[in-house]
């Protein structure tokens, strides 16, 4: 028959001794022999290094022996709008939400508790931010990283609170709903795809636009439209329809600069309340129907042909005038005429592969021909 209850407790453990299910005391590390002839005692062992005990169990122990419970446990009880940071040996481990009771073993582990009034302070302090892993506490905190080309708008329960610059920002999401909306401040391109429009002279054309815009007033951009880019897209479509409908096809093709200026002015007036600035807006392409395009190509071809004929006639006139001037000079100067003949002979000889010379009359063969060929009129005079 068993007389003794033997319990061995390790250094990182504690045991709860109970008699007939009722808490008696906490057994420290070591070997314990307790007289129990009637087998009424029982012991339950717990790991206590960085460990938590269920609150219901702690409440039962505290009700049985408050002094013993206080000696072995650290408790945390947060109220409305409060959170608590529980650190084990200086390392933040738990973030306790409002209205949550927690109990932790002490003795081997040093347990520190810091309570924070999260409702009274919207922004999380830097010292707390450095100690918390907010990725594991998304229900209690909202964090956002604003890039250098962005700005952030902070809304609490739907109301605008502040605008934040680039950096890391974190806010307590306790008894409130916090939202951080980021906006890109860089210029952005917007392509307005082709749409069928009738011109003033009833010609159907398809026009595409390109716009470059940027946010200048973030709050207006958020409150003025659900989607700024889509709103700007529709406004540009209305503006190009009005501008094209008031012009003929020739005006559209001949005055693109004036059309672009009119579009920018019209869109700027309509987007003034959106908090954006349209830096550039212009017609990218004007797509004509097939038959109209063929007619225009024929007109352009005819104009180019006429221009080419005119240039050809001008060149022929200039060449004829040059020949007339040359003929007049050669008429007055026999030597110049003779040199021209020699030049023509030289060009002719370049194209001849073979020359046969037959000497007739006085003289001796080739020498006589050359003397006769290069005799100048001046020699006769002499």
Foldseek 3Di string as FASTA:
>chain_A
DDFKDKDAAAQQKKKFKDFQPATDAIHHHGIDIHTDPPPRIDIDMDGAQFDWDDPVVLVRVCVRPVVRSVVFKDKDAAAAQKWKFKDWQNATDDIGAHGDITMHTDDPIDIDMDMDNQVVFWWDDPVVVVRDDCVVVVQFKDKDAAAQQKKKWKDKQRHTDDIGHGGITMTTCGPIHIDIDMDGFDKDKDKQFWDWAAACVGFTKTWIKMWIKGAQDVVLLVVVDVDNNVVLSVQLVVQLNVLRNDHDPVCCVVCQVVSQVSSQVSSCVVCVSNRMHTPGMGIDDIGGDPVVVVVVVVVVVVVVVVVVVVVVVVVVVVVVVVVVVLVVVCVVPVVSVLVVVVVVVVVVVVPDPDDDFDDDDDDDGPVVVVCVSPDGPVVVVD
